[in-house]
Each structure stands twice: as C-alpha cells, then as structure tokens.
Amino acid sequence: MTSATAVPSDAELLSRAARGEERAVAALFDRFAPVLHAVAYRILRDAQDADEAVVDAFTQAWRDAVRFDAARGSVAAWLSVIARSRALDLLRARSRRERLATSAQQADPISAPGMGEAVPPTDARIGAAERRREVAAALARLSQPQRVAIELAFYEGLSHSEIAERLGQPLGTIKTRVRLGMQKLRDELRPYFFERQP
C-alpha cells in the first residue's frame, strides 16, 4: 500500500480538522458517528436527540481540535467525552422544557402550553422585506458547499440523507455543513431575529 492510499490515523484527521479541513471532520464523523450515537442514545433514549448530540459533538470537536492533547487519551475517547457531555446538555434542556410545559399546563389547564397571543415583531423598524434581504446576504457569505446544503434542506425540504445522495457526498459531510452553516447564519442574523430590543 502506498502512502497515497494509506488510511489516515485519527490523530492525523484531527490535526487536519484543526487546520480547517472540512473533509477531515467528515472522515472523523463517518469513522466515529455510530459509536458516539450509541453513547448519546444510552443517555437520551431518543434517536433524533442522539443525532443532534453527535452533530453538536463534532461541531465542538472541530472548533476545539487545536486543543486536543494525545498525551491525555485517544481521539476516540476525547470524542466520546464530548458526545456524552452534549447528550447530557440535551437531556437537561429537555427536562427543563418538560417542567415548563407542565407548569404552564397547571397554571392554565384550558389553553395549550406555548399557544399564547401572537407576539408583534421584536423590532418594528425592520420589515419583512429587509429581513429577507439580510437572510439572502448572510446565505451568500457562506461557503458554497454550506449554502447549497442549507438551501436543499430548507428550500427544497430534503433530508440530510437525500442531500448526501443528491450531491454524492458522505452523510457526515452534509450534517457538518448544515450545522456549521446554520451556526454562522444564527450568529449573523441574531440582531434581526433572535434578540429582543430593549
């Protein structure tokens, strides 16, 4: 086997991910996602929540790859700890939501929880047309692979698996692109959609 066809080690992939290589993250995802999904599923007992925890774990791993210390353990162990932590975070968030829903139901048993009066826009100065322009501009600033994956997911309604099949890319690559692209959009659009004005 030549070096050109050699399978990269976990540490080598993580090192490449630390340099910003999306393909290295996707390769790590394809290599470890089933194991991490099992870790998350044992905690959450829900396949979709476990999927979310795994994607969150790989997003964090990509962001923190430069801090990985091989002297403290293997890449597999490091990723497992991150996935466990993200799963526990989701479990706590789910528990909080359930407590809030129960509390709201007890306070007003006639109304459906979360179905209050319509809330006016948080910033009346920003109209729908301006928000659409901001979304289009933020989408245009994404890398082309992230933009294409997000457009297929949200404008055409394709699942991650369908996007992977259409683009001929690994599922892990698509999940990473969508997740990171959505984080960038959320950060850029936060003033327009996610923060209440005083």
N, C-alpha and C. Protein backbone atom coordinates (compact mmCIF):
# COMPACT_ATOMS: atom_id res chain seq x y z
N MET A 1 0.86 -1.18 0.00
CA MET A 1 0.00 0.00 0.00
C MET A 1 0.90 1.24 0.00
N THR A 2 0.61 2.15 -0.89
CA THR A 2 1.41 3.38 -0.96
C THR A 2 0.87 4.38 0.03
N SER A 3 1.70 5.40 0.32
CA SER A 3 1.26 6.42 1.27
C SER A 3 0.07 7.19 0.75
N ALA A 4 -0.08 7.26 -0.58
CA ALA A 4 -1.21 7.99 -1.16
C ALA A 4 -2.53 7.31 -0.84
N THR A 5 -2.49 5.98 -0.66
CA THR A 5 -3.74 5.27 -0.39
C THR A 5 -3.87 4.87 1.08
N ALA A 6 -2.88 5.21 1.90
CA ALA A 6 -2.93 4.86 3.32
C ALA A 6 -4.08 5.59 4.00
N VAL A 7 -4.73 4.86 4.92
CA VAL A 7 -5.83 5.46 5.67
C VAL A 7 -5.24 6.34 6.76
N PRO A 8 -5.64 7.62 6.83
CA PRO A 8 -5.06 8.50 7.85
C PRO A 8 -5.48 8.07 9.25
N SER A 9 -4.59 8.28 10.20
CA SER A 9 -4.91 7.95 11.59
C SER A 9 -5.91 8.96 12.14
N ASP A 10 -6.51 8.61 13.28
CA ASP A 10 -7.45 9.51 13.93
C ASP A 10 -6.78 10.84 14.27
N ALA A 11 -5.57 10.76 14.81
CA ALA A 11 -4.85 11.97 15.21
C ALA A 11 -4.52 12.83 13.99
N GLU A 12 -4.17 12.19 12.89
CA GLU A 12 -3.87 12.95 11.67
C GLU A 12 -5.12 13.67 11.16
N LEU A 13 -6.26 12.98 11.17
CA LEU A 13 -7.51 13.61 10.74
C LEU A 13 -7.86 14.79 11.64
N LEU A 14 -7.67 14.61 12.96
CA LEU A 14 -7.98 15.69 13.88
C LEU A 14 -7.05 16.88 13.67
N SER A 15 -5.80 16.60 13.38
CA SER A 15 -4.85 17.67 13.10
C SER A 15 -5.25 18.44 11.84
N ARG A 16 -5.70 17.71 10.82
CA ARG A 16 -6.16 18.38 9.60
C ARG A 16 -7.45 19.16 9.86
N ALA A 17 -8.32 18.63 10.72
CA ALA A 17 -9.54 19.35 11.08
C ALA A 17 -9.18 20.66 11.79
N ALA A 18 -8.15 20.62 12.63
CA ALA A 18 -7.71 21.83 13.34
C ALA A 18 -7.23 22.90 12.37
N ARG A 19 -6.77 22.47 11.19
CA ARG A 19 -6.35 23.43 10.17
C ARG A 19 -7.51 23.87 9.28
N GLY A 20 -8.73 23.42 9.63
CA GLY A 20 -9.91 23.87 8.91
C GLY A 20 -10.38 22.97 7.79
N GLU A 21 -9.84 21.76 7.70
CA GLU A 21 -10.22 20.85 6.61
C GLU A 21 -11.58 20.21 6.90
N GLU A 22 -12.57 20.60 6.13
CA GLU A 22 -13.92 20.06 6.31
C GLU A 22 -13.95 18.55 6.03
N ARG A 23 -13.18 18.11 5.04
CA ARG A 23 -13.18 16.68 4.69
C ARG A 23 -12.64 15.83 5.84
N ALA A 24 -11.70 16.38 6.59
CA ALA A 24 -11.16 15.62 7.73
C ALA A 24 -12.23 15.45 8.80
N VAL A 25 -13.02 16.49 9.04
CA VAL A 25 -14.10 16.39 10.01
C VAL A 25 -15.13 15.36 9.53
N ALA A 26 -15.45 15.42 8.24
CA ALA A 26 -16.41 14.47 7.68
C ALA A 26 -15.89 13.03 7.81
N ALA A 27 -14.58 12.84 7.60
CA ALA A 27 -14.00 11.50 7.73
C ALA A 27 -14.07 11.02 9.17
N LEU A 28 -13.79 11.92 10.12
CA LEU A 28 -13.93 11.56 11.53
C LEU A 28 -15.38 11.23 11.86
N PHE A 29 -16.30 12.00 11.30
CA PHE A 29 -17.73 11.75 11.53
C PHE A 29 -18.09 10.35 11.04
N ASP A 30 -17.68 10.04 9.82
CA ASP A 30 -18.01 8.73 9.25
C ASP A 30 -17.38 7.60 10.07
N ARG A 31 -16.22 7.86 10.63
CA ARG A 31 -15.50 6.85 11.40
C ARG A 31 -16.11 6.64 12.79
N PHE A 32 -16.53 7.71 13.45
CA PHE A 32 -16.92 7.61 14.86
C PHE A 32 -18.40 7.86 15.15
N ALA A 33 -19.16 8.37 14.19
CA ALA A 33 -20.56 8.71 14.48
C ALA A 33 -21.37 7.54 15.03
N PRO A 34 -21.25 6.32 14.50
CA PRO A 34 -22.05 5.23 15.07
C PRO A 34 -21.76 4.97 16.55
N VAL A 35 -20.49 5.01 16.93
CA VAL A 35 -20.13 4.78 18.34
C VAL A 35 -20.65 5.92 19.21
N LEU A 36 -20.47 7.15 18.74
CA LEU A 36 -20.92 8.30 19.53
C LEU A 36 -22.45 8.33 19.61
N HIS A 37 -23.11 7.89 18.55
CA HIS A 37 -24.57 7.82 18.58
C HIS A 37 -25.02 6.85 19.66
N ALA A 38 -24.33 5.73 19.78
CA ALA A 38 -24.67 4.75 20.82
C ALA A 38 -24.48 5.35 22.21
N VAL A 39 -23.39 6.11 22.40
CA VAL A 39 -23.14 6.78 23.68
C VAL A 39 -24.29 7.74 24.00
N ALA A 40 -24.64 8.58 23.02
CA ALA A 40 -25.70 9.58 23.23
C ALA A 40 -27.06 8.91 23.42
N TYR A 41 -27.31 7.85 22.67
CA TYR A 41 -28.62 7.19 22.76
C TYR A 41 -28.82 6.56 24.14
N ARG A 42 -27.76 6.02 24.73
CA ARG A 42 -27.88 5.44 26.08
C ARG A 42 -28.33 6.48 27.09
N ILE A 43 -27.96 7.73 26.86
CA ILE A 43 -28.34 8.80 27.78
C ILE A 43 -29.72 9.35 27.45
N LEU A 44 -29.99 9.56 26.16
CA LEU A 44 -31.19 10.29 25.74
C LEU A 44 -32.38 9.39 25.42
N ARG A 45 -32.13 8.15 25.03
CA ARG A 45 -33.19 7.21 24.67
C ARG A 45 -34.09 7.75 23.55
N ASP A 46 -33.52 8.54 22.67
CA ASP A 46 -34.26 9.08 21.53
C ASP A 46 -33.27 9.23 20.38
N ALA A 47 -33.57 8.61 19.24
CA ALA A 47 -32.62 8.58 18.13
C ALA A 47 -32.36 9.98 17.56
N GLN A 48 -33.40 10.80 17.43
CA GLN A 48 -33.20 12.13 16.87
C GLN A 48 -32.38 13.01 17.81
N ASP A 49 -32.66 12.93 19.10
CA ASP A 49 -31.86 13.69 20.06
C ASP A 49 -30.41 13.21 20.05
N ALA A 50 -30.22 11.90 19.91
CA ALA A 50 -28.86 11.36 19.85
C ALA A 50 -28.14 11.87 18.61
N ASP A 51 -28.86 11.93 17.46
CA ASP A 51 -28.27 12.51 16.24
C ASP A 51 -27.81 13.94 16.49
N GLU A 52 -28.67 14.72 17.14
CA GLU A 52 -28.34 16.11 17.42
C GLU A 52 -27.11 16.22 18.32
N ALA A 53 -27.04 15.37 19.33
CA ALA A 53 -25.89 15.38 20.24
C ALA A 53 -24.60 15.04 19.49
N VAL A 54 -24.67 14.10 18.56
CA VAL A 54 -23.49 13.71 17.79
C VAL A 54 -23.02 14.85 16.90
N VAL A 55 -23.96 15.49 16.22
CA VAL A 55 -23.57 16.62 15.35
C VAL A 55 -23.00 17.76 16.20
N ASP A 56 -23.62 18.02 17.35
CA ASP A 56 -23.09 19.04 18.26
C ASP A 56 -21.67 18.67 18.71
N ALA A 57 -21.46 17.39 18.99
CA ALA A 57 -20.14 16.94 19.44
C ALA A 57 -19.09 17.16 18.35
N PHE A 58 -19.41 16.85 17.11
CA PHE A 58 -18.44 17.04 16.04
C PHE A 58 -18.22 18.52 15.75
N THR A 59 -19.24 19.32 15.90
CA THR A 59 -19.07 20.76 15.74
C THR A 59 -18.10 21.29 16.79
N GLN A 60 -18.28 20.86 18.04
CA GLN A 60 -17.36 21.27 19.11
C GLN A 60 -15.96 20.72 18.87
N ALA A 61 -15.88 19.46 18.42
CA ALA A 61 -14.57 18.85 18.18
C ALA A 61 -13.80 19.61 17.11
N TRP A 62 -14.50 20.05 16.08
CA TRP A 62 -13.84 20.82 15.02
C TRP A 62 -13.33 22.14 15.59
N ARG A 63 -14.19 22.79 16.37
CA ARG A 63 -13.83 24.07 16.96
C ARG A 63 -12.66 23.93 17.94
N ASP A 64 -12.63 22.82 18.70
CA ASP A 64 -11.62 22.64 19.75
C ASP A 64 -10.48 21.72 19.35
N ALA A 65 -10.40 21.34 18.09
CA ALA A 65 -9.40 20.37 17.64
C ALA A 65 -7.97 20.79 17.99
N VAL A 66 -7.70 22.08 17.94
CA VAL A 66 -6.34 22.55 18.23
C VAL A 66 -5.95 22.28 19.69
N ARG A 67 -6.92 22.07 20.56
CA ARG A 67 -6.63 21.84 21.98
C ARG A 67 -6.50 20.37 22.34
N PHE A 68 -6.72 19.49 21.37
CA PHE A 68 -6.62 18.05 21.66
C PHE A 68 -5.19 17.71 22.09
N ASP A 69 -5.08 16.93 23.16
CA ASP A 69 -3.78 16.52 23.69
C ASP A 69 -3.71 15.00 23.69
N ALA A 70 -2.94 14.44 22.74
CA ALA A 70 -2.83 12.99 22.61
C ALA A 70 -2.27 12.34 23.87
N ALA A 71 -1.53 13.09 24.67
CA ALA A 71 -0.95 12.53 25.90
C ALA A 71 -2.04 12.21 26.93
N ARG A 72 -3.21 12.84 26.78
CA ARG A 72 -4.28 12.64 27.75
C ARG A 72 -5.26 11.56 27.33
N GLY A 73 -5.12 11.04 26.11
CA GLY A 73 -6.03 9.98 25.67
C GLY A 73 -6.17 9.96 24.16
N SER A 74 -6.94 8.99 23.69
CA SER A 74 -7.13 8.81 22.25
C SER A 74 -8.17 9.79 21.70
N VAL A 75 -8.18 9.93 20.40
CA VAL A 75 -9.20 10.75 19.73
C VAL A 75 -10.58 10.17 20.02
N ALA A 76 -10.69 8.84 19.96
CA ALA A 76 -11.99 8.18 20.22
C ALA A 76 -12.50 8.51 21.63
N ALA A 77 -11.62 8.45 22.62
CA ALA A 77 -12.03 8.76 23.99
C ALA A 77 -12.43 10.23 24.12
N TRP A 78 -11.65 11.11 23.51
CA TRP A 78 -11.93 12.55 23.55
C TRP A 78 -13.29 12.85 22.93
N LEU A 79 -13.55 12.25 21.76
CA LEU A 79 -14.85 12.46 21.10
C LEU A 79 -15.99 11.89 21.93
N SER A 80 -15.75 10.75 22.58
CA SER A 80 -16.80 10.13 23.41
C SER A 80 -17.16 11.02 24.59
N VAL A 81 -16.16 11.64 25.20
CA VAL A 81 -16.42 12.54 26.33
C VAL A 81 -17.24 13.74 25.86
N ILE A 82 -16.88 14.29 24.69
CA ILE A 82 -17.63 15.44 24.15
C ILE A 82 -19.07 15.03 23.85
N ALA A 83 -19.26 13.88 23.20
CA ALA A 83 -20.61 13.42 22.86
C ALA A 83 -21.45 13.19 24.12
N ARG A 84 -20.83 12.61 25.14
CA ARG A 84 -21.54 12.39 26.41
C ARG A 84 -21.97 13.72 27.02
N SER A 85 -21.07 14.68 26.99
CA SER A 85 -21.37 16.00 27.55
C SER A 85 -22.51 16.68 26.79
N ARG A 86 -22.47 16.60 25.46
CA ARG A 86 -23.53 17.22 24.65
C ARG A 86 -24.87 16.51 24.89
N ALA A 87 -24.84 15.19 25.04
CA ALA A 87 -26.07 14.44 25.31
C ALA A 87 -26.66 14.84 26.66
N LEU A 88 -25.80 14.98 27.66
CA LEU A 88 -26.29 15.41 28.98
C LEU A 88 -26.87 16.82 28.92
N ASP A 89 -26.25 17.70 28.13
CA ASP A 89 -26.80 19.05 27.95
C ASP A 89 -28.20 18.99 27.35
N LEU A 90 -28.36 18.14 26.32
CA LEU A 90 -29.68 18.00 25.69
C LEU A 90 -30.69 17.41 26.67
N LEU A 91 -30.26 16.44 27.46
CA LEU A 91 -31.16 15.83 28.45
C LEU A 91 -31.63 16.87 29.45
N ARG A 92 -30.71 17.71 29.92
CA ARG A 92 -31.09 18.78 30.86
C ARG A 92 -32.04 19.77 30.21
N ALA A 93 -31.77 20.14 28.95
CA ALA A 93 -32.64 21.09 28.25
C ALA A 93 -34.04 20.49 28.05
N ARG A 94 -34.09 19.21 27.70
CA ARG A 94 -35.38 18.54 27.50
C ARG A 94 -36.15 18.51 28.82
N SER A 95 -35.45 18.23 29.90
CA SER A 95 -36.09 18.18 31.21
C SER A 95 -36.65 19.55 31.60
N ARG A 96 -35.88 20.62 31.29
CA ARG A 96 -36.36 21.98 31.58
C ARG A 96 -37.62 22.30 30.77
N ARG A 97 -37.60 21.93 29.48
CA ARG A 97 -38.78 22.18 28.63
C ARG A 97 -40.00 21.45 29.16
N GLU A 98 -39.81 20.20 29.58
CA GLU A 98 -40.93 19.42 30.10
C GLU A 98 -41.48 20.04 31.39
N ARG A 99 -40.58 20.52 32.26
CA ARG A 99 -41.03 21.16 33.50
C ARG A 99 -41.81 22.44 33.20
N LEU A 100 -41.31 23.23 32.24
CA LEU A 100 -42.00 24.47 31.87
C LEU A 100 -43.37 24.18 31.27
N ALA A 101 -43.45 23.16 30.41
CA ALA A 101 -44.74 22.80 29.79
C ALA A 101 -45.72 22.33 30.86
N THR A 102 -45.23 21.52 31.80
CA THR A 102 -46.09 21.04 32.88
C THR A 102 -46.57 22.21 33.73
N SER A 103 -45.65 23.11 34.05
CA SER A 103 -46.00 24.28 34.86
C SER A 103 -47.03 25.15 34.15
N ALA A 104 -46.84 25.37 32.84
CA ALA A 104 -47.78 26.18 32.07
C ALA A 104 -49.14 25.51 32.00
N GLN A 105 -49.16 24.19 31.86
CA GLN A 105 -50.43 23.46 31.79
C GLN A 105 -51.16 23.55 33.12
N GLN A 106 -50.41 23.46 34.23
CA GLN A 106 -51.05 23.55 35.54
C GLN A 106 -51.57 24.95 35.80
N ALA A 107 -50.87 25.96 35.32
CA ALA A 107 -51.28 27.34 35.54
C ALA A 107 -52.54 27.68 34.74
N ASP A 108 -52.65 27.12 33.53
CA ASP A 108 -53.80 27.40 32.68
C ASP A 108 -54.19 26.12 31.95
N PRO A 109 -54.98 25.25 32.61
CA PRO A 109 -55.29 23.95 32.03
C PRO A 109 -56.15 24.01 30.78
N ILE A 110 -56.77 25.14 30.49
CA ILE A 110 -57.65 25.25 29.33
C ILE A 110 -56.86 25.50 28.05
N SER A 111 -55.85 26.36 28.12
CA SER A 111 -55.07 26.70 26.93
C SER A 111 -53.97 25.69 26.71
N ALA A 112 -53.60 25.52 25.46
CA ALA A 112 -52.46 24.67 25.14
C ALA A 112 -51.18 25.40 25.51
N PRO A 113 -50.22 24.72 26.17
CA PRO A 113 -48.96 25.39 26.53
C PRO A 113 -48.25 25.93 25.30
N GLY A 114 -47.73 27.14 25.44
CA GLY A 114 -46.97 27.74 24.35
C GLY A 114 -47.81 28.34 23.26
N MET A 115 -49.14 28.35 23.42
CA MET A 115 -50.00 28.87 22.36
C MET A 115 -50.64 30.18 22.79
N GLY A 116 -49.80 31.09 23.25
CA GLY A 116 -50.29 32.39 23.71
C GLY A 116 -50.68 33.30 22.56
N GLU A 117 -50.89 34.55 22.89
CA GLU A 117 -51.24 35.55 21.89
C GLU A 117 -50.09 35.75 20.92
N ALA A 118 -50.42 36.16 19.72
CA ALA A 118 -49.37 36.46 18.74
C ALA A 118 -48.52 37.60 19.27
N VAL A 119 -47.20 37.46 19.12
CA VAL A 119 -46.27 38.47 19.60
C VAL A 119 -45.86 39.35 18.43
N PRO A 120 -45.93 40.65 18.59
CA PRO A 120 -45.52 41.52 17.50
C PRO A 120 -44.02 41.40 17.24
N PRO A 121 -43.54 41.81 16.07
CA PRO A 121 -42.11 41.74 15.77
C PRO A 121 -41.29 42.45 16.83
N THR A 122 -40.10 41.90 17.13
CA THR A 122 -39.28 42.47 18.19
C THR A 122 -38.68 43.80 17.79
N ASP A 123 -38.55 44.06 16.52
CA ASP A 123 -38.00 45.34 16.09
C ASP A 123 -38.87 45.86 14.95
N ALA A 124 -39.78 46.77 15.27
CA ALA A 124 -40.75 47.23 14.27
C ALA A 124 -40.10 47.94 13.10
N ARG A 125 -38.87 48.45 13.30
CA ARG A 125 -38.20 49.17 12.22
C ARG A 125 -37.74 48.25 11.10
N ILE A 126 -37.60 46.99 11.42
CA ILE A 126 -37.10 46.06 10.40
C ILE A 126 -38.27 45.30 9.83
N GLY A 127 -38.63 45.56 8.62
CA GLY A 127 -39.75 44.90 7.97
C GLY A 127 -39.37 43.56 7.40
N ALA A 128 -40.36 42.85 6.96
CA ALA A 128 -40.14 41.51 6.40
C ALA A 128 -39.21 41.56 5.19
N ALA A 129 -39.36 42.58 4.36
CA ALA A 129 -38.51 42.66 3.16
C ALA A 129 -37.04 42.83 3.55
N GLU A 130 -36.77 43.64 4.56
CA GLU A 130 -35.40 43.84 4.98
C GLU A 130 -34.83 42.57 5.59
N ARG A 131 -35.67 41.85 6.34
CA ARG A 131 -35.21 40.59 6.91
C ARG A 131 -34.86 39.60 5.80
N ARG A 132 -35.69 39.55 4.76
CA ARG A 132 -35.39 38.65 3.64
C ARG A 132 -34.06 39.01 2.99
N ARG A 133 -33.81 40.31 2.84
CA ARG A 133 -32.53 40.75 2.25
C ARG A 133 -31.36 40.34 3.14
N GLU A 134 -31.53 40.47 4.45
CA GLU A 134 -30.45 40.10 5.36
C GLU A 134 -30.17 38.60 5.31
N VAL A 135 -31.24 37.80 5.23
CA VAL A 135 -31.06 36.35 5.13
C VAL A 135 -30.33 36.00 3.83
N ALA A 136 -30.76 36.60 2.72
CA ALA A 136 -30.11 36.32 1.43
C ALA A 136 -28.64 36.72 1.47
N ALA A 137 -28.34 37.88 2.08
CA ALA A 137 -26.94 38.33 2.15
C ALA A 137 -26.12 37.40 3.04
N ALA A 138 -26.69 36.95 4.16
CA ALA A 138 -25.97 36.03 5.05
C ALA A 138 -25.72 34.69 4.36
N LEU A 139 -26.71 34.21 3.63
CA LEU A 139 -26.54 32.97 2.87
C LEU A 139 -25.42 33.10 1.85
N ALA A 140 -25.37 34.26 1.18
CA ALA A 140 -24.35 34.49 0.15
C ALA A 140 -22.94 34.49 0.74
N ARG A 141 -22.81 34.82 2.03
CA ARG A 141 -21.49 34.86 2.67
C ARG A 141 -21.01 33.48 3.13
N LEU A 142 -21.89 32.48 3.12
CA LEU A 142 -21.46 31.13 3.47
C LEU A 142 -20.59 30.55 2.36
N SER A 143 -19.82 29.53 2.71
CA SER A 143 -19.09 28.82 1.65
C SER A 143 -20.12 28.17 0.74
N GLN A 144 -19.76 27.96 -0.52
CA GLN A 144 -20.72 27.38 -1.45
C GLN A 144 -21.24 26.02 -0.98
N PRO A 145 -20.38 25.11 -0.49
CA PRO A 145 -20.91 23.81 -0.04
C PRO A 145 -21.93 23.96 1.10
N GLN A 146 -21.67 24.86 2.05
CA GLN A 146 -22.62 25.06 3.15
C GLN A 146 -23.92 25.65 2.62
N ARG A 147 -23.81 26.64 1.73
CA ARG A 147 -25.01 27.30 1.19
C ARG A 147 -25.88 26.30 0.42
N VAL A 148 -25.26 25.49 -0.42
CA VAL A 148 -26.01 24.51 -1.21
C VAL A 148 -26.73 23.53 -0.30
N ALA A 149 -26.03 23.01 0.73
CA ALA A 149 -26.64 22.04 1.64
C ALA A 149 -27.82 22.66 2.39
N ILE A 150 -27.67 23.90 2.84
CA ILE A 150 -28.75 24.57 3.58
C ILE A 150 -29.93 24.86 2.66
N GLU A 151 -29.66 25.30 1.44
CA GLU A 151 -30.76 25.58 0.51
C GLU A 151 -31.53 24.31 0.18
N LEU A 152 -30.82 23.20 -0.02
CA LEU A 152 -31.51 21.94 -0.31
C LEU A 152 -32.34 21.48 0.90
N ALA A 153 -31.81 21.71 2.10
CA ALA A 153 -32.54 21.29 3.30
C ALA A 153 -33.76 22.15 3.56
N PHE A 154 -33.62 23.48 3.46
CA PHE A 154 -34.68 24.36 3.90
C PHE A 154 -35.58 24.88 2.79
N TYR A 155 -35.06 24.97 1.58
CA TYR A 155 -35.90 25.44 0.47
C TYR A 155 -36.52 24.30 -0.30
N GLU A 156 -35.82 23.16 -0.37
CA GLU A 156 -36.38 22.00 -1.08
C GLU A 156 -36.89 20.93 -0.13
N GLY A 157 -36.62 21.09 1.16
CA GLY A 157 -37.15 20.17 2.16
C GLY A 157 -36.52 18.78 2.15
N LEU A 158 -35.28 18.68 1.66
CA LEU A 158 -34.62 17.37 1.61
C LEU A 158 -34.02 17.02 2.97
N SER A 159 -34.01 15.74 3.27
CA SER A 159 -33.35 15.27 4.49
C SER A 159 -31.84 15.27 4.26
N HIS A 160 -31.09 15.13 5.34
CA HIS A 160 -29.63 15.06 5.20
C HIS A 160 -29.23 13.90 4.29
N SER A 161 -29.90 12.76 4.44
CA SER A 161 -29.58 11.60 3.60
C SER A 161 -29.86 11.89 2.13
N GLU A 162 -30.98 12.54 1.86
CA GLU A 162 -31.32 12.88 0.47
C GLU A 162 -30.32 13.87 -0.13
N ILE A 163 -29.87 14.82 0.68
CA ILE A 163 -28.87 15.78 0.20
C ILE A 163 -27.56 15.06 -0.10
N ALA A 164 -27.15 14.18 0.80
CA ALA A 164 -25.92 13.42 0.59
C ALA A 164 -25.99 12.61 -0.70
N GLU A 165 -27.15 12.00 -0.94
CA GLU A 165 -27.32 11.20 -2.16
C GLU A 165 -27.29 12.10 -3.40
N ARG A 166 -27.99 13.23 -3.33
CA ARG A 166 -28.04 14.12 -4.49
C ARG A 166 -26.67 14.68 -4.83
N LEU A 167 -25.89 15.05 -3.80
CA LEU A 167 -24.59 15.68 -4.04
C LEU A 167 -23.45 14.67 -4.14
N GLY A 168 -23.74 13.40 -3.85
CA GLY A 168 -22.68 12.39 -3.89
C GLY A 168 -21.63 12.60 -2.81
N GLN A 169 -22.08 13.03 -1.63
CA GLN A 169 -21.18 13.31 -0.50
C GLN A 169 -21.54 12.40 0.67
N PRO A 170 -20.57 12.14 1.55
CA PRO A 170 -20.89 11.35 2.76
C PRO A 170 -21.90 12.08 3.64
N LEU A 171 -22.74 11.31 4.31
CA LEU A 171 -23.76 11.88 5.19
C LEU A 171 -23.13 12.78 6.25
N GLY A 172 -22.00 12.35 6.82
CA GLY A 172 -21.33 13.16 7.84
C GLY A 172 -20.91 14.52 7.32
N THR A 173 -20.47 14.57 6.08
CA THR A 173 -20.08 15.85 5.47
C THR A 173 -21.28 16.78 5.40
N ILE A 174 -22.41 16.24 4.97
CA ILE A 174 -23.62 17.07 4.83
C ILE A 174 -24.09 17.57 6.19
N LYS A 175 -24.12 16.69 7.18
CA LYS A 175 -24.56 17.12 8.52
C LYS A 175 -23.65 18.22 9.06
N THR A 176 -22.35 18.07 8.84
CA THR A 176 -21.40 19.08 9.32
C THR A 176 -21.63 20.40 8.60
N ARG A 177 -21.81 20.36 7.28
CA ARG A 177 -22.03 21.59 6.52
C ARG A 177 -23.29 22.31 6.97
N VAL A 178 -24.37 21.57 7.14
CA VAL A 178 -25.64 22.20 7.55
C VAL A 178 -25.50 22.79 8.94
N ARG A 179 -24.92 22.03 9.86
CA ARG A 179 -24.81 22.50 11.25
C ARG A 179 -23.94 23.76 11.35
N LEU A 180 -22.77 23.73 10.73
CA LEU A 180 -21.87 24.88 10.81
C LEU A 180 -22.43 26.08 10.06
N GLY A 181 -23.07 25.82 8.92
CA GLY A 181 -23.69 26.91 8.17
C GLY A 181 -24.81 27.57 8.97
N MET A 182 -25.62 26.75 9.65
CA MET A 182 -26.71 27.30 10.45
C MET A 182 -26.17 28.10 11.63
N GLN A 183 -25.06 27.65 12.21
CA GLN A 183 -24.47 28.42 13.31
C GLN A 183 -24.00 29.79 12.81
N LYS A 184 -23.37 29.81 11.63
CA LYS A 184 -22.92 31.09 11.08
C LYS A 184 -24.11 32.00 10.80
N LEU A 185 -25.17 31.44 10.21
CA LEU A 185 -26.36 32.24 9.93
C LEU A 185 -26.96 32.78 11.23
N ARG A 186 -27.05 31.93 12.25
CA ARG A 186 -27.62 32.37 13.51
C ARG A 186 -26.82 33.52 14.10
N ASP A 187 -25.49 33.42 14.04
CA ASP A 187 -24.64 34.48 14.57
C ASP A 187 -24.83 35.78 13.80
N GLU A 188 -24.89 35.68 12.47
CA GLU A 188 -25.01 36.90 11.66
C GLU A 188 -26.40 37.52 11.76
N LEU A 189 -27.42 36.70 11.91
CA LEU A 189 -28.79 37.20 11.89
C LEU A 189 -29.37 37.43 13.28
N ARG A 190 -28.58 37.16 14.31
CA ARG A 190 -29.08 37.31 15.67
C ARG A 190 -29.72 38.68 15.94
N PRO A 191 -29.11 39.79 15.50
CA PRO A 191 -29.74 41.09 15.79
C PRO A 191 -31.10 41.27 15.12
N TYR A 192 -31.35 40.55 14.04
CA TYR A 192 -32.60 40.72 13.31
C TYR A 192 -33.71 39.79 13.77
N PHE A 193 -33.34 38.64 14.32
CA PHE A 193 -34.35 37.65 14.62
C PHE A 193 -34.35 37.12 16.04
N PHE A 194 -33.20 37.12 16.72
CA PHE A 194 -33.10 36.34 17.95
C PHE A 194 -32.97 37.18 19.21
N GLU A 195 -32.75 38.46 19.10
CA GLU A 195 -32.60 39.26 20.31
C GLU A 195 -33.71 40.28 20.42
N ARG A 196 -34.31 40.34 21.57
CA ARG A 196 -35.34 41.35 21.81
C ARG A 196 -34.69 42.71 22.01
N GLN A 197 -35.32 43.71 21.45
CA GLN A 197 -34.81 45.07 21.64
C GLN A 197 -35.31 45.60 22.98
N PRO A 198 -34.51 46.43 23.66
CA PRO A 198 -34.95 46.96 24.96
C PRO A 198 -36.12 47.91 24.78
